[in-house]
């Protein structure tokens, strides 16, 4: 996959992570989008590095999507823990 594919995957992974973890985010829509993109990159890297699942050339690979969504969820939870009270 190209970098553009990972960005699109990250946008979708961020939206799915936001759907799975509803509530107010300190960064709003832009913050969640950036977290989704970063989560896709980090999830793909972790999957390839430590889980022995090489990066697939196919955009519709289920393991790649799971890694991207998982990375976005982890980053979203960490972001809420670190900066959760900044909007109150």
PDB file of N, CA and C in Angstrom:
ATOM      1  N   UNK A   1       0.841  -1.173   0.000  1.00  0.00           N
ATOM      2  CA  UNK A   1       0.000   0.000   0.000  1.00  0.00           C
ATOM      3  C   UNK A   1       0.887   1.237   0.000  1.00  0.00           C
ATOM      4  N   UNK A   2       0.382   2.289  -0.564  1.00  0.00           N
ATOM      5  CA  UNK A   2       1.116   3.544  -0.616  1.00  0.00           C
ATOM      6  C   UNK A   2       0.813   4.375   0.634  1.00  0.00           C
ATOM      7  N   UNK A   3       1.521   5.464   0.777  1.00  0.00           N
ATOM      8  CA  UNK A   3       1.300   6.350   1.916  1.00  0.00           C
ATOM      9  C   UNK A   3      -0.121   6.934   1.858  1.00  0.00           C
ATOM     10  N   UNK A   4      -0.590   7.253   0.680  1.00  0.00           N
ATOM     11  CA  UNK A   4      -1.958   7.783   0.535  1.00  0.00           C
ATOM     12  C   UNK A   4      -2.975   6.751   1.001  1.00  0.00           C
ATOM     13  N   UNK A   5      -2.739   5.488   0.688  1.00  0.00           N
ATOM     14  CA  UNK A   5      -3.649   4.424   1.141  1.00  0.00           C
ATOM     15  C   UNK A   5      -3.662   4.337   2.661  1.00  0.00           C
ATOM     16  N   UNK A   6      -2.487   4.484   3.283  1.00  0.00           N
ATOM     17  CA  UNK A   6      -2.431   4.439   4.739  1.00  0.00           C
ATOM     18  C   UNK A   6      -3.130   5.642   5.359  1.00  0.00           C
ATOM     19  N   UNK A   7      -3.068   6.787   4.719  1.00  0.00           N
ATOM     20  CA  UNK A   7      -3.771   7.967   5.231  1.00  0.00           C
ATOM     21  C   UNK A   7      -5.275   7.767   5.138  1.00  0.00           C
ATOM     22  N   UNK A   8      -5.751   7.248   4.010  1.00  0.00           N
ATOM     23  CA  UNK A   8      -7.188   6.971   3.862  1.00  0.00           C
ATOM     24  C   UNK A   8      -7.621   5.917   4.874  1.00  0.00           C
ATOM     25  N   UNK A   9      -6.810   4.872   5.021  1.00  0.00           N
ATOM     26  CA  UNK A   9      -7.107   3.839   6.014  1.00  0.00           C
ATOM     27  C   UNK A   9      -7.131   4.432   7.413  1.00  0.00           C
ATOM     28  N   UNK A  10      -6.209   5.342   7.698  1.00  0.00           N
ATOM     29  CA  UNK A  10      -6.173   6.006   8.996  1.00  0.00           C
ATOM     30  C   UNK A  10      -7.391   6.872   9.259  1.00  0.00           C
ATOM     31  N   UNK A  11      -7.862   7.571   8.237  1.00  0.00           N
ATOM     32  CA  UNK A  11      -9.085   8.370   8.390  1.00  0.00           C
ATOM     33  C   UNK A  11     -10.272   7.479   8.748  1.00  0.00           C
ATOM     34  N   UNK A  12     -10.387   6.366   8.036  1.00  0.00           N
ATOM     35  CA  UNK A  12     -11.476   5.436   8.312  1.00  0.00           C
ATOM     36  C   UNK A  12     -11.294   4.744   9.660  1.00  0.00           C
ATOM     37  N   UNK A  13     -10.072   4.394  10.006  1.00  0.00           N
ATOM     38  CA  UNK A  13      -9.805   3.760  11.301  1.00  0.00           C
ATOM     39  C   UNK A  13     -10.113   4.728  12.442  1.00  0.00           C
ATOM     40  N   UNK A  14      -9.796   5.993  12.275  1.00  0.00           N
ATOM     41  CA  UNK A  14     -10.119   7.001  13.286  1.00  0.00           C
ATOM     42  C   UNK A  14     -11.620   7.149  13.473  1.00  0.00           C
ATOM     43  N   UNK A  15     -12.365   7.116  12.384  1.00  0.00           N
ATOM     44  CA  UNK A  15     -13.827   7.200  12.471  1.00  0.00           C
ATOM     45  C   UNK A  15     -14.401   5.974  13.172  1.00  0.00           C
ATOM     46  N   UNK A  16     -13.856   4.807  12.860  1.00  0.00           N
ATOM     47  CA  UNK A  16     -14.334   3.581  13.502  1.00  0.00           C
ATOM     48  C   UNK A  16     -13.965   3.585  14.983  1.00  0.00           C
ATOM     49  N   UNK A  17     -12.756   4.025  15.310  1.00  0.00           N
ATOM     50  CA  UNK A  17     -12.344   4.106  16.717  1.00  0.00           C
ATOM     51  C   UNK A  17     -13.234   5.081  17.481  1.00  0.00           C
ATOM     52  N   UNK A  18     -13.573   6.191  16.871  1.00  0.00           N
ATOM     53  CA  UNK A  18     -14.466   7.164  17.504  1.00  0.00           C
ATOM     54  C   UNK A  18     -15.854   6.572  17.704  1.00  0.00           C
ATOM     55  N   UNK A  19     -16.308   5.758  16.747  1.00  0.00           N
ATOM     56  CA  UNK A  19     -17.606   5.096  16.868  1.00  0.00           C
ATOM     57  C   UNK A  19     -17.580   4.087  18.018  1.00  0.00           C
ATOM     58  N   UNK A  20     -16.468   3.362  18.161  1.00  0.00           N
ATOM     59  CA  UNK A  20     -16.348   2.359  19.216  1.00  0.00           C
ATOM     60  C   UNK A  20     -16.139   2.974  20.593  1.00  0.00           C
ATOM     61  N   UNK A  21     -15.560   4.165  20.656  1.00  0.00           N
ATOM     62  CA  UNK A  21     -15.335   4.884  21.912  1.00  0.00           C
ATOM     63  C   UNK A  21     -16.020   6.247  21.857  1.00  0.00           C
ATOM     64  N   UNK A  22     -17.334   6.273  21.990  1.00  0.00           N
ATOM     65  CA  UNK A  22     -18.023   7.568  21.896  1.00  0.00           C
ATOM     66  C   UNK A  22     -17.702   8.444  23.106  1.00  0.00           C
ATOM     67  N   UNK A  23     -17.960   9.695  22.940  1.00  0.00           N
ATOM     68  CA  UNK A  23     -17.709  10.650  24.013  1.00  0.00           C
ATOM     69  C   UNK A  23     -16.946  11.847  23.495  1.00  0.00           C
ATOM     70  N   UNK A  24     -16.704  12.772  24.397  1.00  0.00           N
ATOM     71  CA  UNK A  24     -15.998  13.995  24.017  1.00  0.00           C
ATOM     72  C   UNK A  24     -14.509  13.738  23.987  1.00  0.00           C
ATOM     73  N   UNK A  25     -13.899  14.171  22.925  1.00  0.00           N
ATOM     74  CA  UNK A  25     -12.450  14.091  22.794  1.00  0.00           C
ATOM     75  C   UNK A  25     -11.861  15.470  22.967  1.00  0.00           C
ATOM     76  N   UNK A  26     -10.706  15.550  23.610  1.00  0.00           N
ATOM     77  CA  UNK A  26     -10.074  16.861  23.797  1.00  0.00           C
ATOM     78  C   UNK A  26      -9.729  17.559  22.484  1.00  0.00           C
ATOM     79  N   UNK A  27      -9.434  16.807  21.426  1.00  0.00           N
ATOM     80  CA  UNK A  27      -9.017  17.409  20.171  1.00  0.00           C
ATOM     81  C   UNK A  27     -10.135  17.600  19.164  1.00  0.00           C
ATOM     82  N   UNK A  28     -11.310  17.083  19.446  1.00  0.00           N
ATOM     83  CA  UNK A  28     -12.416  17.194  18.515  1.00  0.00           C
ATOM     84  C   UNK A  28     -12.201  16.360  17.264  1.00  0.00           C
ATOM     85  N   UNK A  29     -12.807  16.773  16.176  1.00  0.00           N
ATOM     86  CA  UNK A  29     -12.754  16.027  14.920  1.00  0.00           C
ATOM     87  C   UNK A  29     -11.344  15.985  14.336  1.00  0.00           C
ATOM     88  N   UNK A  30     -10.660  17.102  14.372  1.00  0.00           N
ATOM     89  CA  UNK A  30      -9.300  17.151  13.812  1.00  0.00           C
ATOM     90  C   UNK A  30      -8.356  16.267  14.618  1.00  0.00           C
ATOM     91  N   UNK A  31      -8.444  16.332  15.924  1.00  0.00           N
ATOM     92  CA  UNK A  31      -7.597  15.501  16.780  1.00  0.00           C
ATOM     93  C   UNK A  31      -7.853  14.023  16.576  1.00  0.00           C
ATOM     94  N   UNK A  32      -9.120  13.637  16.461  1.00  0.00           N
ATOM     95  CA  UNK A  32      -9.466  12.241  16.225  1.00  0.00           C
ATOM     96  C   UNK A  32      -8.966  11.779  14.868  1.00  0.00           C
ATOM     97  N   UNK A  33      -9.030  12.638  13.872  1.00  0.00           N
ATOM     98  CA  UNK A  33      -8.539  12.297  12.540  1.00  0.00           C
ATOM     99  C   UNK A  33      -7.035  12.065  12.551  1.00  0.00           C
ATOM    100  N   UNK A  34      -6.306  12.952  13.209  1.00  0.00           N
ATOM    101  CA  UNK A  34      -4.848  12.796  13.302  1.00  0.00           C
ATOM    102  C   UNK A  34      -4.500  11.543  14.091  1.00  0.00           C
ATOM    103  N   UNK A  35      -5.236  11.273  15.158  1.00  0.00           N
ATOM    104  CA  UNK A  35      -5.013  10.062  15.937  1.00  0.00           C
ATOM    105  C   UNK A  35      -5.287   8.822  15.096  1.00  0.00           C
ATOM    106  N   UNK A  36      -6.310   8.866  14.265  1.00  0.00           N
ATOM    107  CA  UNK A  36      -6.612   7.733  13.382  1.00  0.00           C
ATOM    108  C   UNK A  36      -5.500   7.469  12.383  1.00  0.00           C
ATOM    109  N   UNK A  37      -4.973   8.519  11.796  1.00  0.00           N
ATOM    110  CA  UNK A  37      -3.883   8.355  10.827  1.00  0.00           C
ATOM    111  C   UNK A  37      -2.633   7.827  11.528  1.00  0.00           C
ATOM    112  N   UNK A  38      -2.281   8.417  12.668  1.00  0.00           N
ATOM    113  CA  UNK A  38      -1.109   7.943  13.414  1.00  0.00           C
ATOM    114  C   UNK A  38      -1.314   6.514  13.897  1.00  0.00           C
ATOM    115  N   UNK A  39      -2.531   6.193  14.326  1.00  0.00           N
ATOM    116  CA  UNK A  39      -2.831   4.837  14.779  1.00  0.00           C
ATOM    117  C   UNK A  39      -2.712   3.815  13.666  1.00  0.00           C
ATOM    118  N   UNK A  40      -3.097   4.190  12.462  1.00  0.00           N
ATOM    119  CA  UNK A  40      -2.959   3.278  11.324  1.00  0.00           C
ATOM    120  C   UNK A  40      -1.492   2.995  11.042  1.00  0.00           C
ATOM    121  N   UNK A  41      -0.678   4.022  11.053  1.00  0.00           N
ATOM    122  CA  UNK A  41       0.753   3.828  10.824  1.00  0.00           C
ATOM    123  C   UNK A  41       1.387   2.994  11.942  1.00  0.00           C
ATOM    124  N   UNK A  42       1.080   3.323  13.181  1.00  0.00           N
ATOM    125  CA  UNK A  42       1.662   2.596  14.306  1.00  0.00           C
ATOM    126  C   UNK A  42       1.140   1.160  14.361  1.00  0.00           C
ATOM    127  N   UNK A  43      -0.145   0.974  14.141  1.00  0.00           N
ATOM    128  CA  UNK A  43      -0.710  -0.380  14.133  1.00  0.00           C
ATOM    129  C   UNK A  43      -0.120  -1.236  13.033  1.00  0.00           C
ATOM    130  N   UNK A  44       0.074  -0.675  11.858  1.00  0.00           N
ATOM    131  CA  UNK A  44       0.706  -1.406  10.760  1.00  0.00           C
ATOM    132  C   UNK A  44       2.147  -1.748  11.064  1.00  0.00           C
ATOM    133  N   UNK A  45       2.859  -0.815  11.691  1.00  0.00           N
ATOM    134  CA  UNK A  45       4.253  -1.061  12.038  1.00  0.00           C
ATOM    135  C   UNK A  45       4.373  -2.148  13.106  1.00  0.00           C
ATOM    136  N   UNK A  46       3.527  -2.087  14.134  1.00  0.00           N
ATOM    137  CA  UNK A  46       3.548  -3.104  15.191  1.00  0.00           C
ATOM    138  C   UNK A  46       3.193  -4.469  14.617  1.00  0.00           C
ATOM    139  N   UNK A  47       2.197  -4.497  13.743  1.00  0.00           N
ATOM    140  CA  UNK A  47       1.784  -5.760  13.122  1.00  0.00           C
ATOM    141  C   UNK A  47       2.907  -6.373  12.300  1.00  0.00           C
ATOM    142  N   UNK A  48       3.607  -5.564  11.560  1.00  0.00           N
ATOM    143  CA  UNK A  48       4.694  -6.067  10.722  1.00  0.00           C
ATOM    144  C   UNK A  48       5.930  -6.415  11.550  1.00  0.00           C
ATOM    145  N   UNK A  49       6.188  -5.643  12.578  1.00  0.00           N
ATOM    146  CA  UNK A  49       7.418  -5.813  13.358  1.00  0.00           C
ATOM    147  C   UNK A  49       7.339  -6.961  14.360  1.00  0.00           C
ATOM    148  N   UNK A  50       6.274  -7.002  15.152  1.00  0.00           N
ATOM    149  CA  UNK A  50       6.220  -7.961  16.243  1.00  0.00           C
ATOM    150  C   UNK A  50       5.187  -9.068  16.086  1.00  0.00           C
ATOM    151  N   UNK A  51       4.218  -8.909  15.241  1.00  0.00           N
ATOM    152  CA  UNK A  51       3.185  -9.933  15.095  1.00  0.00           C
ATOM    153  C   UNK A  51       3.377 -10.805  13.861  1.00  0.00           C
ATOM    154  N   UNK A  52       4.496 -10.647  13.178  1.00  0.00           N
ATOM    155  CA  UNK A  52       4.837 -11.444  11.985  1.00  0.00           C
ATOM    156  C   UNK A  52       3.743 -11.435  10.921  1.00  0.00           C
ATOM    157  N   UNK A  53       3.104 -10.312  10.754  1.00  0.00           N
ATOM    158  CA  UNK A  53       2.123 -10.160   9.671  1.00  0.00           C
ATOM    159  C   UNK A  53       2.646  -9.057   8.763  1.00  0.00           C
ATOM    160  N   UNK A  54       3.271  -9.432   7.646  1.00  0.00           N
ATOM    161  CA  UNK A  54       3.828  -8.392   6.771  1.00  0.00           C
ATOM    162  C   UNK A  54       2.735  -7.487   6.211  1.00  0.00           C
ATOM    163  N   UNK A  55       3.137  -6.275   5.883  1.00  0.00           N
ATOM    164  CA  UNK A  55       2.198  -5.310   5.318  1.00  0.00           C
ATOM    165  C   UNK A  55       1.696  -5.845   3.978  1.00  0.00           C
ATOM    166  N   UNK A  56       0.399  -5.921   3.861  1.00  0.00           N
ATOM    167  CA  UNK A  56      -0.213  -6.449   2.656  1.00  0.00           C
ATOM    168  C   UNK A  56      -0.283  -5.370   1.579  1.00  0.00           C
ATOM    169  N   UNK A  57      -0.206  -5.784   0.345  1.00  0.00           N
ATOM    170  CA  UNK A  57      -0.368  -4.854  -0.778  1.00  0.00           C
ATOM    171  C   UNK A  57      -1.848  -4.583  -1.055  1.00  0.00           C
ATOM    172  N   UNK A  58      -2.706  -5.372  -0.445  1.00  0.00           N
ATOM    173  CA  UNK A  58      -4.147  -5.259  -0.666  1.00  0.00           C
ATOM    174  C   UNK A  58      -4.759  -4.320   0.375  1.00  0.00           C
ATOM    175  N   UNK A  59      -5.526  -3.349  -0.084  1.00  0.00           N
ATOM    176  CA  UNK A  59      -6.162  -2.375   0.804  1.00  0.00           C
ATOM    177  C   UNK A  59      -7.223  -3.028   1.673  1.00  0.00           C
ATOM    178  N   UNK A  60      -7.823  -4.108   1.215  1.00  0.00           N
ATOM    179  CA  UNK A  60      -8.942  -4.733   1.905  1.00  0.00           C
ATOM    180  C   UNK A  60      -8.533  -5.935   2.745  1.00  0.00           C
ATOM    181  N   UNK A  61      -7.279  -5.993   3.190  1.00  0.00           N
ATOM    182  CA  UNK A  61      -6.818  -7.068   4.045  1.00  0.00           C
ATOM    183  C   UNK A  61      -7.361  -6.854   5.457  1.00  0.00           C
ATOM    184  N   UNK A  62      -8.044  -7.859   5.993  1.00  0.00           N
ATOM    185  CA  UNK A  62      -8.675  -7.737   7.304  1.00  0.00           C
ATOM    186  C   UNK A  62      -7.693  -7.515   8.437  1.00  0.00           C
ATOM    187  N   UNK A  63      -6.554  -8.181   8.384  1.00  0.00           N
ATOM    188  CA  UNK A  63      -5.554  -8.012   9.444  1.00  0.00           C
ATOM    189  C   UNK A  63      -4.967  -6.601   9.429  1.00  0.00           C
ATOM    190  N   UNK A  64      -4.804  -6.024   8.262  1.00  0.00           N
ATOM    191  CA  UNK A  64      -4.300  -4.654   8.167  1.00  0.00           C
ATOM    192  C   UNK A  64      -5.310  -3.683   8.763  1.00  0.00           C
ATOM    193  N   UNK A  65      -6.577  -3.878   8.469  1.00  0.00           N
ATOM    194  CA  UNK A  65      -7.633  -3.034   9.032  1.00  0.00           C
ATOM    195  C   UNK A  65      -7.692  -3.192  10.549  1.00  0.00           C
ATOM    196  N   UNK A  66      -7.586  -4.437  11.031  1.00  0.00           N
ATOM    197  CA  UNK A  66      -7.630  -4.668  12.477  1.00  0.00           C
ATOM    198  C   UNK A  66      -6.454  -3.976  13.165  1.00  0.00           C
ATOM    199  N   UNK A  67      -5.271  -4.049  12.560  1.00  0.00           N
ATOM    200  CA  UNK A  67      -4.095  -3.394  13.131  1.00  0.00           C
ATOM    201  C   UNK A  67      -4.276  -1.880  13.146  1.00  0.00           C
ATOM    202  N   UNK A  68      -4.808  -1.320  12.086  1.00  0.00           N
ATOM    203  CA  UNK A  68      -5.014   0.130  12.008  1.00  0.00           C
ATOM    204  C   UNK A  68      -6.049   0.599  13.028  1.00  0.00           C
ATOM    205  N   UNK A  69      -7.150  -0.116  13.140  1.00  0.00           N
ATOM    206  CA  UNK A  69      -8.198   0.262  14.099  1.00  0.00           C
ATOM    207  C   UNK A  69      -7.696   0.069  15.522  1.00  0.00           C
ATOM    208  N   UNK A  70      -6.966  -1.022  15.762  1.00  0.00           N
ATOM    209  CA  UNK A  70      -6.398  -1.245  17.086  1.00  0.00           C
ATOM    210  C   UNK A  70      -5.417  -0.156  17.483  1.00  0.00           C
ATOM    211  N   UNK A  71      -4.570   0.250  16.543  1.00  0.00           N
ATOM    212  CA  UNK A  71      -3.639   1.344  16.822  1.00  0.00           C
ATOM    213  C   UNK A  71      -4.358   2.643  17.109  1.00  0.00           C
ATOM    214  N   UNK A  72      -5.416   2.922  16.355  1.00  0.00           N
ATOM    215  CA  UNK A  72      -6.193   4.142  16.586  1.00  0.00           C
ATOM    216  C   UNK A  72      -6.892   4.099  17.943  1.00  0.00           C
ATOM    217  N   UNK A  73      -7.416   2.934  18.332  1.00  0.00           N
ATOM    218  CA  UNK A  73      -8.069   2.810  19.633  1.00  0.00           C
ATOM    219  C   UNK A  73      -7.076   3.038  20.774  1.00  0.00           C
ATOM    220  N   UNK A  74      -5.904   2.446  20.660  1.00  0.00           N
ATOM    221  CA  UNK A  74      -4.894   2.617  21.708  1.00  0.00           C
ATOM    222  C   UNK A  74      -4.483   4.081  21.828  1.00  0.00           C
ATOM    223  N   UNK A  75      -4.243   4.732  20.704  1.00  0.00           N
ATOM    224  CA  UNK A  75      -3.861   6.150  20.756  1.00  0.00           C
ATOM    225  C   UNK A  75      -4.995   7.035  21.267  1.00  0.00           C
ATOM    226  N   UNK A  76      -6.232   6.721  20.901  1.00  0.00           N
ATOM    227  CA  UNK A  76      -7.368   7.506  21.365  1.00  0.00           C
ATOM    228  C   UNK A  76      -7.546   7.364  22.875  1.00  0.00           C
ATOM    229  N   UNK A  77      -7.385   6.150  23.391  1.00  0.00           N
ATOM    230  CA  UNK A  77      -7.484   5.948  24.840  1.00  0.00           C
ATOM    231  C   UNK A  77      -6.360   6.690  25.556  1.00  0.00           C
ATOM    232  N   UNK A  78      -5.144   6.579  25.041  1.00  0.00           N
ATOM    233  CA  UNK A  78      -4.009   7.273  25.661  1.00  0.00           C
ATOM    234  C   UNK A  78      -4.209   8.784  25.618  1.00  0.00           C
ATOM    235  N   UNK A  79      -4.721   9.292  24.503  1.00  0.00           N
ATOM    236  CA  UNK A  79      -4.959  10.730  24.364  1.00  0.00           C
ATOM    237  C   UNK A  79      -6.004  11.204  25.366  1.00  0.00           C
ATOM    238  N   UNK A  80      -7.058  10.416  25.529  1.00  0.00           N
ATOM    239  CA  UNK A  80      -8.095  10.787  26.507  1.00  0.00           C
ATOM    240  C   UNK A  80      -7.552  10.744  27.922  1.00  0.00           C
ATOM    241  N   UNK A  81      -6.710   9.774  28.228  1.00  0.00           N
ATOM    242  CA  UNK A  81      -6.132   9.702  29.571  1.00  0.00           C
ATOM    243  C   UNK A  81      -5.206  10.876  29.861  1.00  0.00           C
ATOM    244  N   UNK A  82      -4.430  11.268  28.864  1.00  0.00           N
ATOM    245  CA  UNK A  82      -3.473  12.364  29.068  1.00  0.00           C
ATOM    246  C   UNK A  82      -4.109  13.739  29.040  1.00  0.00           C
ATOM    247  N   UNK A  83      -5.050  13.957  28.112  1.00  0.00           N
ATOM    248  CA  UNK A  83      -5.599  15.297  27.905  1.00  0.00           C
ATOM    249  C   UNK A  83      -7.113  15.346  28.046  1.00  0.00           C
ATOM    250  N   UNK A  84      -7.715  14.405  28.724  1.00  0.00           N
ATOM    251  CA  UNK A  84      -9.171  14.293  28.816  1.00  0.00           C
ATOM    252  C   UNK A  84      -9.858  15.436  29.499  1.00  0.00           C
ATOM    253  N   UNK A  85      -9.231  16.083  30.463  1.00  0.00           N
ATOM    254  CA  UNK A  85      -9.889  17.135  31.230  1.00  0.00           C
ATOM    255  C   UNK A  85      -9.621  18.523  30.696  1.00  0.00           C
ATOM    256  N   UNK A  86      -8.983  18.641  29.544  1.00  0.00           N
ATOM    257  CA  UNK A  86      -8.614  19.965  29.055  1.00  0.00           C
ATOM    258  C   UNK A  86      -9.787  20.757  28.492  1.00  0.00           C
ATOM    259  N   UNK A  87     -10.909  20.114  28.179  1.00  0.00           N
ATOM    260  CA  UNK A  87     -12.058  20.841  27.631  1.00  0.00           C
ATOM    261  C   UNK A  87     -13.097  21.190  28.689  1.00  0.00           C
ATOM    262  N   UNK A  88     -12.923  20.768  29.884  1.00  0.00           N
ATOM    263  CA  UNK A  88     -13.940  21.014  30.906  1.00  0.00           C
ATOM    264  C   UNK A  88     -13.765  22.353  31.579  1.00  0.00           C
TER     265      UNK A  88
END
